[in-house]
């Protein structure tokens, strides 16, 4: 991986994608760059790499297929809980689906939901 100021190792890239905050200009989102040793968003720091989710449009850490963790989690929950024969979800499972979809850290939700004993 290479950014305007040179090469970026995998660990630094992961950390950069997960750095979020609000800049003085009011921009809120991912702050992958650095200006004068302060986190900066991509436009200010010259990073051209896309970090906008193709599913919801959010500027966020992308997980799979250009989509953020939250969008992928929403699909995984639906795929696991919606009855493929009817295309609908049992009323009893709606609260479970809503709780899973609203988890604060979608990547943690994905880690939890992918345990074999849960998906079985």
PDB file of N, CA and C in Angstrom:
ATOM      1  N   UNK A   1       0.851  -1.176   0.000  1.00  0.00           N
ATOM      2  CA  UNK A   1       0.000   0.000   0.000  1.00  0.00           C
ATOM      3  C   UNK A   1       0.892   1.232   0.000  1.00  0.00           C
ATOM      4  N   UNK A   2       0.540   2.217  -0.800  1.00  0.00           N
ATOM      5  CA  UNK A   2       1.345   3.424  -0.875  1.00  0.00           C
ATOM      6  C   UNK A   2       0.428   4.647  -0.818  1.00  0.00           C
ATOM      7  N   UNK A   3       0.741   5.573   0.087  1.00  0.00           N
ATOM      8  CA  UNK A   3       0.009   6.825   0.210  1.00  0.00           C
ATOM      9  C   UNK A   3       0.927   7.970  -0.173  1.00  0.00           C
ATOM     10  N   UNK A   4       0.423   9.206  -0.236  1.00  0.00           N
ATOM     11  CA  UNK A   4       1.237  10.325  -0.716  1.00  0.00           C
ATOM     12  C   UNK A   4       2.597  10.460  -0.042  1.00  0.00           C
ATOM     13  N   UNK A   5       2.675  10.081   1.231  1.00  0.00           N
ATOM     14  CA  UNK A   5       3.944  10.240   1.928  1.00  0.00           C
ATOM     15  C   UNK A   5       4.787   8.971   1.926  1.00  0.00           C
ATOM     16  N   UNK A   6       4.408   7.985   1.121  1.00  0.00           N
ATOM     17  CA  UNK A   6       5.212   6.775   0.993  1.00  0.00           C
ATOM     18  C   UNK A   6       4.430   5.506   1.273  1.00  0.00           C
ATOM     19  N   UNK A   7       5.177   4.432   1.466  1.00  0.00           N
ATOM     20  CA  UNK A   7       4.574   3.128   1.705  1.00  0.00           C
ATOM     21  C   UNK A   7       3.917   3.038   3.071  1.00  0.00           C
ATOM     22  N   UNK A   8       2.882   2.218   3.148  1.00  0.00           N
ATOM     23  CA  UNK A   8       2.157   1.997   4.394  1.00  0.00           C
ATOM     24  C   UNK A   8       2.064   0.491   4.603  1.00  0.00           C
ATOM     25  N   UNK A   9       2.526   0.023   5.750  1.00  0.00           N
ATOM     26  CA  UNK A   9       2.449  -1.419   6.037  1.00  0.00           C
ATOM     27  C   UNK A   9       1.005  -1.800   6.373  1.00  0.00           C
ATOM     28  N   UNK A  10       0.739  -3.092   6.373  1.00  0.00           N
ATOM     29  CA  UNK A  10      -0.604  -3.590   6.638  1.00  0.00           C
ATOM     30  C   UNK A  10      -1.161  -3.161   7.983  1.00  0.00           C
ATOM     31  N   UNK A  11      -0.341  -3.213   9.030  1.00  0.00           N
ATOM     32  CA  UNK A  11      -0.804  -2.818  10.371  1.00  0.00           C
ATOM     33  C   UNK A  11      -1.157  -1.326  10.419  1.00  0.00           C
ATOM     34  N   UNK A  12      -0.310  -0.498   9.838  1.00  0.00           N
ATOM     35  CA  UNK A  12      -0.578   0.951   9.817  1.00  0.00           C
ATOM     36  C   UNK A  12      -1.819   1.263   8.983  1.00  0.00           C
ATOM     37  N   UNK A  13      -2.007   0.529   7.895  1.00  0.00           N
ATOM     38  CA  UNK A  13      -3.180   0.723   7.051  1.00  0.00           C
ATOM     39  C   UNK A  13      -4.451   0.392   7.828  1.00  0.00           C
ATOM     40  N   UNK A  14      -4.448  -0.738   8.555  1.00  0.00           N
ATOM     41  CA  UNK A  14      -5.618  -1.112   9.355  1.00  0.00           C
ATOM     42  C   UNK A  14      -5.908  -0.047  10.407  1.00  0.00           C
ATOM     43  N   UNK A  15      -4.869   0.428  11.087  1.00  0.00           N
ATOM     44  CA  UNK A  15      -5.048   1.457  12.113  1.00  0.00           C
ATOM     45  C   UNK A  15      -5.608   2.736  11.497  1.00  0.00           C
ATOM     46  N   UNK A  16      -5.098   3.109  10.330  1.00  0.00           N
ATOM     47  CA  UNK A  16      -5.565   4.327   9.665  1.00  0.00           C
ATOM     48  C   UNK A  16      -7.040   4.222   9.299  1.00  0.00           C
ATOM     49  N   UNK A  17      -7.458   3.062   8.808  1.00  0.00           N
ATOM     50  CA  UNK A  17      -8.868   2.880   8.427  1.00  0.00           C
ATOM     51  C   UNK A  17      -9.787   2.957   9.634  1.00  0.00           C
ATOM     52  N   UNK A  18      -9.269   2.660  10.807  1.00  0.00           N
ATOM     53  CA  UNK A  18     -10.104   2.617  12.014  1.00  0.00           C
ATOM     54  C   UNK A  18     -10.009   3.879  12.852  1.00  0.00           C
ATOM     55  N   UNK A  19      -9.220   4.856  12.410  1.00  0.00           N
ATOM     56  CA  UNK A  19      -9.108   6.110  13.142  1.00  0.00           C
ATOM     57  C   UNK A  19     -10.259   7.021  12.715  1.00  0.00           C
ATOM     58  N   UNK A  20     -11.090   7.386  13.670  1.00  0.00           N
ATOM     59  CA  UNK A  20     -12.256   8.225  13.393  1.00  0.00           C
ATOM     60  C   UNK A  20     -12.216   9.448  14.292  1.00  0.00           C
ATOM     61  N   UNK A  21     -12.885  10.489  13.869  1.00  0.00           N
ATOM     62  CA  UNK A  21     -12.963  11.669  14.710  1.00  0.00           C
ATOM     63  C   UNK A  21     -13.583  12.831  13.976  1.00  0.00           C
ATOM     64  N   UNK A  22     -13.482  14.000  14.612  1.00  0.00           N
ATOM     65  CA  UNK A  22     -14.016  15.241  14.046  1.00  0.00           C
ATOM     66  C   UNK A  22     -12.867  16.228  13.957  1.00  0.00           C
ATOM     67  N   UNK A  23     -12.670  16.784  12.775  1.00  0.00           N
ATOM     68  CA  UNK A  23     -11.621  17.780  12.558  1.00  0.00           C
ATOM     69  C   UNK A  23     -12.151  19.164  12.871  1.00  0.00           C
ATOM     70  N   UNK A  24     -11.250  20.132  12.987  1.00  0.00           N
ATOM     71  CA  UNK A  24     -11.627  21.520  13.263  1.00  0.00           C
ATOM     72  C   UNK A  24     -12.604  22.065  12.233  1.00  0.00           C
ATOM     73  N   UNK A  25     -12.489  21.583  10.996  1.00  0.00           N
ATOM     74  CA  UNK A  25     -13.356  22.064   9.918  1.00  0.00           C
ATOM     75  C   UNK A  25     -14.773  21.495  10.036  1.00  0.00           C
ATOM     76  N   UNK A  26     -14.978  20.554  10.972  1.00  0.00           N
ATOM     77  CA  UNK A  26     -16.291  19.963  11.162  1.00  0.00           C
ATOM     78  C   UNK A  26     -16.467  18.613  10.500  1.00  0.00           C
ATOM     79  N   UNK A  27     -15.488  18.201   9.693  1.00  0.00           N
ATOM     80  CA  UNK A  27     -15.582  16.897   9.036  1.00  0.00           C
ATOM     81  C   UNK A  27     -15.568  15.802  10.090  1.00  0.00           C
ATOM     82  N   UNK A  28     -16.534  14.896  10.008  1.00  0.00           N
ATOM     83  CA  UNK A  28     -16.584  13.753  10.906  1.00  0.00           C
ATOM     84  C   UNK A  28     -16.484  12.489  10.083  1.00  0.00           C
ATOM     85  N   UNK A  29     -15.574  11.630  10.440  1.00  0.00           N
ATOM     86  CA  UNK A  29     -15.421  10.390   9.703  1.00  0.00           C
ATOM     87  C   UNK A  29     -14.067   9.771   9.910  1.00  0.00           C
ATOM     88  N   UNK A  30     -13.623   9.034   8.907  1.00  0.00           N
ATOM     89  CA  UNK A  30     -12.343   8.350   8.969  1.00  0.00           C
ATOM     90  C   UNK A  30     -11.218   9.360   8.773  1.00  0.00           C
ATOM     91  N   UNK A  31     -10.203   9.251   9.600  1.00  0.00           N
ATOM     92  CA  UNK A  31      -9.062  10.155   9.538  1.00  0.00           C
ATOM     93  C   UNK A  31      -7.804   9.334   9.254  1.00  0.00           C
ATOM     94  N   UNK A  32      -7.634   8.887   8.007  1.00  0.00           N
ATOM     95  CA  UNK A  32      -6.526   7.989   7.698  1.00  0.00           C
ATOM     96  C   UNK A  32      -5.182   8.679   7.508  1.00  0.00           C
ATOM     97  N   UNK A  33      -5.190   9.978   7.316  1.00  0.00           N
ATOM     98  CA  UNK A  33      -3.949  10.694   7.018  1.00  0.00           C
ATOM     99  C   UNK A  33      -3.347  11.346   8.241  1.00  0.00           C
ATOM    100  N   UNK A  34      -2.275  12.079   7.997  1.00  0.00           N
ATOM    101  CA  UNK A  34      -1.556  12.772   9.053  1.00  0.00           C
ATOM    102  C   UNK A  34      -1.061  14.095   8.517  1.00  0.00           C
ATOM    103  N   UNK A  35      -1.329  15.174   9.239  1.00  0.00           N
ATOM    104  CA  UNK A  35      -0.780  16.487   8.896  1.00  0.00           C
ATOM    105  C   UNK A  35      -0.206  17.067  10.183  1.00  0.00           C
ATOM    106  N   UNK A  36       1.075  17.358  10.172  1.00  0.00           N
ATOM    107  CA  UNK A  36       1.759  17.872  11.365  1.00  0.00           C
ATOM    108  C   UNK A  36       1.502  16.987  12.578  1.00  0.00           C
ATOM    109  N   UNK A  37       1.529  15.662  12.352  1.00  0.00           N
ATOM    110  CA  UNK A  37       1.351  14.641  13.382  1.00  0.00           C
ATOM    111  C   UNK A  37      -0.055  14.618  13.990  1.00  0.00           C
ATOM    112  N   UNK A  38      -1.026  15.207  13.315  1.00  0.00           N
ATOM    113  CA  UNK A  38      -2.427  15.153  13.735  1.00  0.00           C
ATOM    114  C   UNK A  38      -3.220  14.381  12.693  1.00  0.00           C
ATOM    115  N   UNK A  39      -4.176  13.552  13.122  1.00  0.00           N
ATOM    116  CA  UNK A  39      -5.001  12.821  12.155  1.00  0.00           C
ATOM    117  C   UNK A  39      -5.719  13.791  11.210  1.00  0.00           C
ATOM    118  N   UNK A  40      -5.805  13.398   9.947  1.00  0.00           N
ATOM    119  CA  UNK A  40      -6.450  14.246   8.941  1.00  0.00           C
ATOM    120  C   UNK A  40      -7.274  13.371   8.003  1.00  0.00           C
ATOM    121  N   UNK A  41      -8.364  13.925   7.482  1.00  0.00           N
ATOM    122  CA  UNK A  41      -9.152  13.137   6.547  1.00  0.00           C
ATOM    123  C   UNK A  41      -8.491  13.139   5.186  1.00  0.00           C
ATOM    124  N   UNK A  42      -8.971  12.264   4.342  1.00  0.00           N
ATOM    125  CA  UNK A  42      -8.230  11.965   3.105  1.00  0.00           C
ATOM    126  C   UNK A  42      -8.066  13.159   2.184  1.00  0.00           C
ATOM    127  N   UNK A  43      -9.061  14.028   2.062  1.00  0.00           N
ATOM    128  CA  UNK A  43      -8.927  15.167   1.149  1.00  0.00           C
ATOM    129  C   UNK A  43      -7.802  16.101   1.575  1.00  0.00           C
ATOM    130  N   UNK A  44      -7.688  16.346   2.877  1.00  0.00           N
ATOM    131  CA  UNK A  44      -6.632  17.238   3.372  1.00  0.00           C
ATOM    132  C   UNK A  44      -5.248  16.605   3.246  1.00  0.00           C
ATOM    133  N   UNK A  45      -5.178  15.292   3.430  1.00  0.00           N
ATOM    134  CA  UNK A  45      -3.876  14.629   3.451  1.00  0.00           C
ATOM    135  C   UNK A  45      -3.450  14.103   2.083  1.00  0.00           C
ATOM    136  N   UNK A  46      -4.305  14.207   1.085  1.00  0.00           N
ATOM    137  CA  UNK A  46      -3.952  13.780  -0.259  1.00  0.00           C
ATOM    138  C   UNK A  46      -4.161  12.301  -0.538  1.00  0.00           C
ATOM    139  N   UNK A  47      -4.804  11.597   0.378  1.00  0.00           N
ATOM    140  CA  UNK A  47      -5.071  10.173   0.161  1.00  0.00           C
ATOM    141  C   UNK A  47      -6.253  10.050  -0.793  1.00  0.00           C
ATOM    142  N   UNK A  48      -6.066   9.302  -1.859  1.00  0.00           N
ATOM    143  CA  UNK A  48      -7.116   9.167  -2.861  1.00  0.00           C
ATOM    144  C   UNK A  48      -7.875   7.848  -2.746  1.00  0.00           C
ATOM    145  N   UNK A  49      -7.415   6.975  -1.888  1.00  0.00           N
ATOM    146  CA  UNK A  49      -8.058   5.662  -1.742  1.00  0.00           C
ATOM    147  C   UNK A  49      -9.509   5.836  -1.290  1.00  0.00           C
ATOM    148  N   UNK A  50     -10.427   5.145  -1.965  1.00  0.00           N
ATOM    149  CA  UNK A  50     -11.848   5.243  -1.639  1.00  0.00           C
ATOM    150  C   UNK A  50     -12.143   4.568  -0.304  1.00  0.00           C
ATOM    151  N   UNK A  51     -12.865   5.250   0.556  1.00  0.00           N
ATOM    152  CA  UNK A  51     -13.313   4.675   1.815  1.00  0.00           C
ATOM    153  C   UNK A  51     -14.810   4.904   2.010  1.00  0.00           C
ATOM    154  N   UNK A  52     -15.536   5.075   0.906  1.00  0.00           N
ATOM    155  CA  UNK A  52     -16.984   5.248   0.964  1.00  0.00           C
ATOM    156  C   UNK A  52     -17.654   3.916   0.672  1.00  0.00           C
ATOM    157  N   UNK A  53     -18.571   3.516   1.538  1.00  0.00           N
ATOM    158  CA  UNK A  53     -19.265   2.245   1.387  1.00  0.00           C
ATOM    159  C   UNK A  53     -20.184   2.289   0.167  1.00  0.00           C
ATOM    160  N   UNK A  54     -20.098   1.261  -0.663  1.00  0.00           N
ATOM    161  CA  UNK A  54     -20.962   1.169  -1.842  1.00  0.00           C
ATOM    162  C   UNK A  54     -22.403   0.854  -1.462  1.00  0.00           C
ATOM    163  N   UNK A  55     -22.628   0.336  -0.247  1.00  0.00           N
ATOM    164  CA  UNK A  55     -23.978   0.004   0.198  1.00  0.00           C
ATOM    165  C   UNK A  55     -24.726   1.200   0.759  1.00  0.00           C
ATOM    166  N   UNK A  56     -24.133   1.866   1.760  1.00  0.00           N
ATOM    167  CA  UNK A  56     -24.830   2.949   2.456  1.00  0.00           C
ATOM    168  C   UNK A  56     -24.238   4.322   2.184  1.00  0.00           C
ATOM    169  N   UNK A  57     -23.058   4.363   1.557  1.00  0.00           N
ATOM    170  CA  UNK A  57     -22.421   5.638   1.240  1.00  0.00           C
ATOM    171  C   UNK A  57     -21.605   6.225   2.375  1.00  0.00           C
ATOM    172  N   UNK A  58     -21.597   5.566   3.535  1.00  0.00           N
ATOM    173  CA  UNK A  58     -20.864   6.095   4.684  1.00  0.00           C
ATOM    174  C   UNK A  58     -19.353   6.037   4.446  1.00  0.00           C
ATOM    175  N   UNK A  59     -18.665   7.024   4.961  1.00  0.00           N
ATOM    176  CA  UNK A  59     -17.208   7.003   4.960  1.00  0.00           C
ATOM    177  C   UNK A  59     -16.826   6.155   6.159  1.00  0.00           C
ATOM    178  N   UNK A  60     -16.333   4.972   5.905  1.00  0.00           N
ATOM    179  CA  UNK A  60     -16.118   4.022   6.983  1.00  0.00           C
ATOM    180  C   UNK A  60     -15.087   2.989   6.570  1.00  0.00           C
ATOM    181  N   UNK A  61     -14.696   2.155   7.511  1.00  0.00           N
ATOM    182  CA  UNK A  61     -13.793   1.055   7.188  1.00  0.00           C
ATOM    183  C   UNK A  61     -14.537   0.066   6.305  1.00  0.00           C
ATOM    184  N   UNK A  62     -14.001  -0.213   5.127  1.00  0.00           N
ATOM    185  CA  UNK A  62     -14.632  -1.154   4.213  1.00  0.00           C
ATOM    186  C   UNK A  62     -14.202  -2.563   4.570  1.00  0.00           C
ATOM    187  N   UNK A  63     -15.157  -3.479   4.519  1.00  0.00           N
ATOM    188  CA  UNK A  63     -14.880  -4.854   4.920  1.00  0.00           C
ATOM    189  C   UNK A  63     -14.849  -5.815   3.744  1.00  0.00           C
ATOM    190  N   UNK A  64     -15.892  -5.795   2.918  1.00  0.00           N
ATOM    191  CA  UNK A  64     -15.970  -6.786   1.849  1.00  0.00           C
ATOM    192  C   UNK A  64     -16.735  -6.208   0.660  1.00  0.00           C
ATOM    193  N   UNK A  65     -16.192  -6.399  -0.522  1.00  0.00           N
ATOM    194  CA  UNK A  65     -16.867  -5.962  -1.733  1.00  0.00           C
ATOM    195  C   UNK A  65     -17.178  -4.478  -1.772  1.00  0.00           C
ATOM    196  N   UNK A  66     -16.304  -3.657  -1.185  1.00  0.00           N
ATOM    197  CA  UNK A  66     -16.519  -2.212  -1.173  1.00  0.00           C
ATOM    198  C   UNK A  66     -17.608  -1.780  -0.201  1.00  0.00           C
ATOM    199  N   UNK A  67     -17.967  -2.663   0.719  1.00  0.00           N
ATOM    200  CA  UNK A  67     -19.032  -2.364   1.686  1.00  0.00           C
ATOM    201  C   UNK A  67     -18.482  -2.374   3.109  1.00  0.00           C
ATOM    202  N   UNK A  68     -19.100  -1.564   3.955  1.00  0.00           N
ATOM    203  CA  UNK A  68     -18.669  -1.450   5.347  1.00  0.00           C
ATOM    204  C   UNK A  68     -19.151  -2.646   6.169  1.00  0.00           C
ATOM    205  N   UNK A  69     -18.585  -2.777   7.347  1.00  0.00           N
ATOM    206  CA  UNK A  69     -18.949  -3.873   8.249  1.00  0.00           C
ATOM    207  C   UNK A  69     -20.448  -3.893   8.520  1.00  0.00           C
ATOM    208  N   UNK A  70     -21.058  -2.720   8.712  1.00  0.00           N
ATOM    209  CA  UNK A  70     -22.483  -2.660   9.045  1.00  0.00           C
ATOM    210  C   UNK A  70     -23.334  -3.203   7.914  1.00  0.00           C
ATOM    211  N   UNK A  71     -23.059  -2.803   6.689  1.00  0.00           N
ATOM    212  CA  UNK A  71     -23.850  -3.297   5.552  1.00  0.00           C
ATOM    213  C   UNK A  71     -23.713  -4.811   5.396  1.00  0.00           C
ATOM    214  N   UNK A  72     -22.509  -5.316   5.578  1.00  0.00           N
ATOM    215  CA  UNK A  72     -22.299  -6.761   5.469  1.00  0.00           C
ATOM    216  C   UNK A  72     -23.039  -7.474   6.594  1.00  0.00           C
ATOM    217  N   UNK A  73     -22.965  -6.942   7.811  1.00  0.00           N
ATOM    218  CA  UNK A  73     -23.675  -7.550   8.941  1.00  0.00           C
ATOM    219  C   UNK A  73     -25.178  -7.601   8.684  1.00  0.00           C
ATOM    220  N   UNK A  74     -25.753  -6.526   8.154  1.00  0.00           N
ATOM    221  CA  UNK A  74     -27.197  -6.505   7.866  1.00  0.00           C
ATOM    222  C   UNK A  74     -27.582  -7.641   6.928  1.00  0.00           C
ATOM    223  N   UNK A  75     -26.785  -7.835   5.889  1.00  0.00           N
ATOM    224  CA  UNK A  75     -27.061  -8.913   4.935  1.00  0.00           C
ATOM    225  C   UNK A  75     -26.894 -10.298   5.569  1.00  0.00           C
ATOM    226  N   UNK A  76     -25.850 -10.459   6.372  1.00  0.00           N
ATOM    227  CA  UNK A  76     -25.606 -11.752   7.013  1.00  0.00           C
ATOM    228  C   UNK A  76     -26.759 -12.110   7.944  1.00  0.00           C
ATOM    229  N   UNK A  77     -27.208 -11.153   8.729  1.00  0.00           N
ATOM    230  CA  UNK A  77     -28.340 -11.402   9.640  1.00  0.00           C
ATOM    231  C   UNK A  77     -29.569 -11.807   8.840  1.00  0.00           C
ATOM    232  N   UNK A  78     -29.884 -11.055   7.796  1.00  0.00           N
ATOM    233  CA  UNK A  78     -31.052 -11.402   6.971  1.00  0.00           C
ATOM    234  C   UNK A  78     -30.909 -12.783   6.357  1.00  0.00           C
ATOM    235  N   UNK A  79     -29.728 -13.087   5.833  1.00  0.00           N
ATOM    236  CA  UNK A  79     -29.517 -14.392   5.194  1.00  0.00           C
ATOM    237  C   UNK A  79     -29.657 -15.548   6.171  1.00  0.00           C
ATOM    238  N   UNK A  80     -29.313 -15.309   7.432  1.00  0.00           N
ATOM    239  CA  UNK A  80     -29.423 -16.361   8.431  1.00  0.00           C
ATOM    240  C   UNK A  80     -30.837 -16.508   8.994  1.00  0.00           C
ATOM    241  N   UNK A  81     -31.572 -15.411   9.071  1.00  0.00           N
ATOM    242  CA  UNK A  81     -32.854 -15.436   9.784  1.00  0.00           C
ATOM    243  C   UNK A  81     -34.068 -15.473   8.863  1.00  0.00           C
ATOM    244  N   UNK A  82     -33.964 -14.905   7.680  1.00  0.00           N
ATOM    245  CA  UNK A  82     -35.115 -14.924   6.765  1.00  0.00           C
ATOM    246  C   UNK A  82     -35.298 -16.331   6.204  1.00  0.00           C
ATOM    247  N   UNK A  83     -36.502 -16.799   6.230  1.00  0.00           N
ATOM    248  CA  UNK A  83     -36.836 -18.122   5.700  1.00  0.00           C
ATOM    249  C   UNK A  83     -36.753 -18.052   4.172  1.00  0.00           C
ATOM    250  N   UNK A  84     -35.853 -18.811   3.555  1.00  0.00           N
ATOM    251  CA  UNK A  84     -35.702 -18.732   2.101  1.00  0.00           C
ATOM    252  C   UNK A  84     -36.959 -19.194   1.342  1.00  0.00           C
ATOM    253  N   UNK A  85     -37.749 -20.057   1.948  1.00  0.00           N
ATOM    254  CA  UNK A  85     -38.954 -20.554   1.278  1.00  0.00           C
ATOM    255  C   UNK A  85     -40.041 -19.488   1.206  1.00  0.00           C
ATOM    256  N   UNK A  86     -40.132 -18.673   2.264  1.00  0.00           N
ATOM    257  CA  UNK A  86     -41.195 -17.654   2.311  1.00  0.00           C
ATOM    258  C   UNK A  86     -40.688 -16.247   2.014  1.00  0.00           C
ATOM    259  N   UNK A  87     -39.371 -16.053   2.180  1.00  0.00           N
ATOM    260  CA  UNK A  87     -38.816 -14.709   1.981  1.00  0.00           C
ATOM    261  C   UNK A  87     -39.142 -13.766   3.123  1.00  0.00           C
ATOM    262  N   UNK A  88     -39.617 -14.317   4.240  1.00  0.00           N
ATOM    263  CA  UNK A  88     -39.961 -13.461   5.378  1.00  0.00           C
ATOM    264  C   UNK A  88     -39.321 -14.001   6.654  1.00  0.00           C
ATOM    265  N   UNK A  89     -39.396 -13.186   7.680  1.00  0.00           N
ATOM    266  CA  UNK A  89     -38.811 -13.514   8.959  1.00  0.00           C
ATOM    267  C   UNK A  89     -39.922 -13.843   9.951  1.00  0.00           C
ATOM    268  N   UNK A  90     -39.741 -14.879  10.724  1.00  0.00           N
ATOM    269  CA  UNK A  90     -40.731 -15.225  11.753  1.00  0.00           C
ATOM    270  C   UNK A  90     -40.833 -14.081  12.757  1.00  0.00           C
ATOM    271  N   UNK A  91     -42.056 -13.778  13.194  1.00  0.00           N
ATOM    272  CA  UNK A  91     -42.286 -12.669  14.130  1.00  0.00           C
ATOM    273  C   UNK A  91     -41.422 -12.797  15.383  1.00  0.00           C
ATOM    274  N   UNK A  92     -41.221 -14.018  15.833  1.00  0.00           N
ATOM    275  CA  UNK A  92     -40.452 -14.247  17.053  1.00  0.00           C
ATOM    276  C   UNK A  92     -38.978 -13.868  16.889  1.00  0.00           C
ATOM    277  N   UNK A  93     -38.490 -13.863  15.655  1.00  0.00           N
ATOM    278  CA  UNK A  93     -37.078 -13.568  15.405  1.00  0.00           C
ATOM    279  C   UNK A  93     -36.798 -12.106  15.072  1.00  0.00           C
ATOM    280  N   UNK A  94     -37.829 -11.312  14.892  1.00  0.00           N
ATOM    281  CA  UNK A  94     -37.648  -9.894  14.553  1.00  0.00           C
ATOM    282  C   UNK A  94     -36.848  -9.155  15.633  1.00  0.00           C
ATOM    283  N   UNK A  95     -37.149  -9.333  16.933  1.00  0.00           N
ATOM    284  CA  UNK A  95     -36.333  -8.646  17.947  1.00  0.00           C
ATOM    285  C   UNK A  95     -34.856  -9.081  17.931  1.00  0.00           C
ATOM    286  N   UNK A  96     -34.609 -10.361  17.682  1.00  0.00           N
ATOM    287  CA  UNK A  96     -33.234 -10.847  17.593  1.00  0.00           C
ATOM    288  C   UNK A  96     -32.519 -10.187  16.416  1.00  0.00           C
ATOM    289  N   UNK A  97     -33.166 -10.150  15.259  1.00  0.00           N
ATOM    290  CA  UNK A  97     -32.566  -9.528  14.080  1.00  0.00           C
ATOM    291  C   UNK A  97     -32.291  -8.047  14.336  1.00  0.00           C
ATOM    292  N   UNK A  98     -33.234  -7.355  14.955  1.00  0.00           N
ATOM    293  CA  UNK A  98     -33.057  -5.931  15.242  1.00  0.00           C
ATOM    294  C   UNK A  98     -31.884  -5.703  16.191  1.00  0.00           C
ATOM    295  N   UNK A  99     -31.752  -6.555  17.212  1.00  0.00           N
ATOM    296  CA  UNK A  99     -30.642  -6.417  18.163  1.00  0.00           C
ATOM    297  C   UNK A  99     -29.305  -6.655  17.473  1.00  0.00           C
ATOM    298  N   UNK A 100     -29.237  -7.686  16.648  1.00  0.00           N
ATOM    299  CA  UNK A 100     -27.984  -7.978  15.941  1.00  0.00           C
ATOM    300  C   UNK A 100     -27.616  -6.862  14.977  1.00  0.00           C
ATOM    301  N   UNK A 101     -28.597  -6.307  14.297  1.00  0.00           N
ATOM    302  CA  UNK A 101     -28.337  -5.252  13.314  1.00  0.00           C
ATOM    303  C   UNK A 101     -27.947  -3.924  13.955  1.00  0.00           C
ATOM    304  N   UNK A 102     -28.287  -3.738  15.224  1.00  0.00           N
ATOM    305  CA  UNK A 102     -28.016  -2.451  15.878  1.00  0.00           C
ATOM    306  C   UNK A 102     -26.786  -2.484  16.778  1.00  0.00           C
ATOM    307  N   UNK A 103     -26.021  -3.564  16.716  1.00  0.00           N
ATOM    308  CA  UNK A 103     -24.823  -3.677  17.543  1.00  0.00           C
ATOM    309  C   UNK A 103     -23.872  -2.523  17.222  1.00  0.00           C
ATOM    310  N   UNK A 104     -23.250  -1.959  18.261  1.00  0.00           N
ATOM    311  CA  UNK A 104     -22.385  -0.787  18.081  1.00  0.00           C
ATOM    312  C   UNK A 104     -21.174  -1.056  17.200  1.00  0.00           C
ATOM    313  N   UNK A 105     -20.566  -2.199  17.352  1.00  0.00           N
ATOM    314  CA  UNK A 105     -19.380  -2.538  16.560  1.00  0.00           C
ATOM    315  C   UNK A 105     -19.740  -3.701  15.649  1.00  0.00           C
ATOM    316  N   UNK A 106     -20.057  -3.372  14.419  1.00  0.00           N
ATOM    317  CA  UNK A 106     -20.503  -4.400  13.469  1.00  0.00           C
ATOM    318  C   UNK A 106     -19.448  -5.481  13.263  1.00  0.00           C
ATOM    319  N   UNK A 107     -18.169  -5.135  13.327  1.00  0.00           N
ATOM    320  CA  UNK A 107     -17.137  -6.162  13.166  1.00  0.00           C
ATOM    321  C   UNK A 107     -17.179  -7.164  14.317  1.00  0.00           C
ATOM    322  N   UNK A 108     -17.498  -6.721  15.518  1.00  0.00           N
ATOM    323  CA  UNK A 108     -17.664  -7.643  16.646  1.00  0.00           C
ATOM    324  C   UNK A 108     -18.891  -8.519  16.441  1.00  0.00           C
ATOM    325  N   UNK A 109     -19.951  -7.930  15.906  1.00  0.00           N
ATOM    326  CA  UNK A 109     -21.147  -8.708  15.599  1.00  0.00           C
ATOM    327  C   UNK A 109     -20.863  -9.791  14.578  1.00  0.00           C
ATOM    328  N   UNK A 110     -20.059  -9.450  13.572  1.00  0.00           N
ATOM    329  CA  UNK A 110     -19.700 -10.442  12.561  1.00  0.00           C
ATOM    330  C   UNK A 110     -18.860 -11.565  13.167  1.00  0.00           C
ATOM    331  N   UNK A 111     -17.943 -11.215  14.045  1.00  0.00           N
ATOM    332  CA  UNK A 111     -17.122 -12.231  14.707  1.00  0.00           C
ATOM    333  C   UNK A 111     -18.006 -13.166  15.526  1.00  0.00           C
ATOM    334  N   UNK A 112     -18.947 -12.603  16.269  1.00  0.00           N
ATOM    335  CA  UNK A 112     -19.836 -13.396  17.109  1.00  0.00           C
ATOM    336  C   UNK A 112     -20.740 -14.289  16.263  1.00  0.00           C
ATOM    337  N   UNK A 113     -21.366 -13.702  15.263  1.00  0.00           N
ATOM    338  CA  UNK A 113     -22.374 -14.440  14.472  1.00  0.00           C
ATOM    339  C   UNK A 113     -21.757 -15.546  13.617  1.00  0.00           C
ATOM    340  N   UNK A 114     -20.472 -15.443  13.325  1.00  0.00           N
ATOM    341  CA  UNK A 114     -19.831 -16.455  12.467  1.00  0.00           C
ATOM    342  C   UNK A 114     -19.359 -17.691  13.237  1.00  0.00           C
ATOM    343  N   UNK A 115     -19.623 -17.749  14.523  1.00  0.00           N
ATOM    344  CA  UNK A 115     -19.265 -18.946  15.271  1.00  0.00           C
ATOM    345  C   UNK A 115     -20.148 -20.098  14.807  1.00  0.00           C
ATOM    346  N   UNK A 116     -19.534 -21.222  14.548  1.00  0.00           N
ATOM    347  CA  UNK A 116     -20.254 -22.351  13.941  1.00  0.00           C
ATOM    348  C   UNK A 116     -21.455 -22.799  14.755  1.00  0.00           C
ATOM    349  N   UNK A 117     -21.345 -22.771  16.083  1.00  0.00           N
ATOM    350  CA  UNK A 117     -22.479 -23.237  16.888  1.00  0.00           C
ATOM    351  C   UNK A 117     -23.671 -22.267  16.811  1.00  0.00           C
ATOM    352  N   UNK A 118     -23.426 -21.022  16.467  1.00  0.00           N
ATOM    353  CA  UNK A 118     -24.532 -20.056  16.323  1.00  0.00           C
ATOM    354  C   UNK A 118     -25.217 -20.178  14.963  1.00  0.00           C
ATOM    355  N   UNK A 119     -24.439 -20.281  13.910  1.00  0.00           N
ATOM    356  CA  UNK A 119     -25.032 -20.346  12.586  1.00  0.00           C
ATOM    357  C   UNK A 119     -25.728 -21.687  12.346  1.00  0.00           C
ATOM    358  N   UNK A 120     -25.319 -22.708  13.095  1.00  0.00           N
ATOM    359  CA  UNK A 120     -25.984 -24.021  12.942  1.00  0.00           C
ATOM    360  C   UNK A 120     -27.395 -23.916  13.483  1.00  0.00           C
TER     361      UNK A 120
END
